[in-house]
Amino acid sequence: MLFGMTLGLVVFFLLITLASMTGRVCDSRDSADWKPTDGGFRAP
């Protein structure tokens, strides 16, 4: 049971690594959570 879960986790990370190396992933963040605000409002 533990071996199967460990193997599944390793395969999962291997697939993510391969997808990243081949450019098949994208960053969907728009950086809105890092932009400064002025009293809670964003400057245009």
Protein backbone atom coordinates (compact mmCIF):
# COMPACT_ATOMS: atom_id res chain seq x y z
CA MET A 1 0.00 0.00 0.00
CA LEU A 2 2.70 2.48 0.99
CA PHE A 3 4.85 1.46 -1.98
CA GLY A 4 1.99 2.14 -4.40
CA MET A 5 1.30 5.58 -2.95
CA THR A 6 4.98 6.46 -3.06
CA LEU A 7 5.28 5.25 -6.62
CA GLY A 8 2.21 7.25 -7.61
CA LEU A 9 3.65 10.41 -6.05
CA VAL A 10 6.99 9.92 -7.81
CA VAL A 11 5.25 9.39 -11.15
CA PHE A 12 3.11 12.50 -10.56
CA PHE A 13 6.14 14.71 -9.90
CA LEU A 14 7.99 13.15 -12.82
CA LEU A 15 5.12 14.03 -15.16
CA ILE A 16 5.01 17.61 -13.85
CA THR A 17 8.76 17.93 -14.30
CA LEU A 18 8.64 16.59 -17.85
CA ALA A 19 5.74 18.90 -18.74
CA SER A 20 7.68 21.87 -17.36
CA MET A 21 10.84 20.94 -19.24
CA THR A 22 8.98 20.62 -22.53
CA GLY A 23 7.12 23.92 -22.13
CA ARG A 24 3.66 22.40 -21.77
CA VAL A 25 2.76 24.43 -18.69
CA CYS A 26 1.84 28.08 -18.37
CA ASP A 27 1.65 30.55 -15.52
CA SER A 28 -1.99 31.58 -15.22
CA ARG A 29 -1.39 34.12 -12.46
CA ASP A 30 -1.95 37.72 -13.44
CA SER A 31 0.08 39.13 -10.51
CA ALA A 32 -3.02 40.83 -9.08
CA ASP A 33 -2.21 39.49 -5.62
CA TRP A 34 1.16 41.28 -5.61
CA LYS A 35 0.13 44.68 -6.95
CA PRO A 36 0.13 47.54 -4.45
CA THR A 37 -3.15 49.11 -3.42
CA ASP A 38 -4.12 52.54 -2.15
CA GLY A 39 -6.62 51.94 0.63
CA GLY A 40 -7.74 48.71 -0.98
CA PHE A 41 -8.16 50.19 -4.46
CA ARG A 42 -5.79 49.63 -7.36
CA ALA A 43 -4.43 52.58 -9.25
CA PRO A 44 -5.43 52.53 -12.94
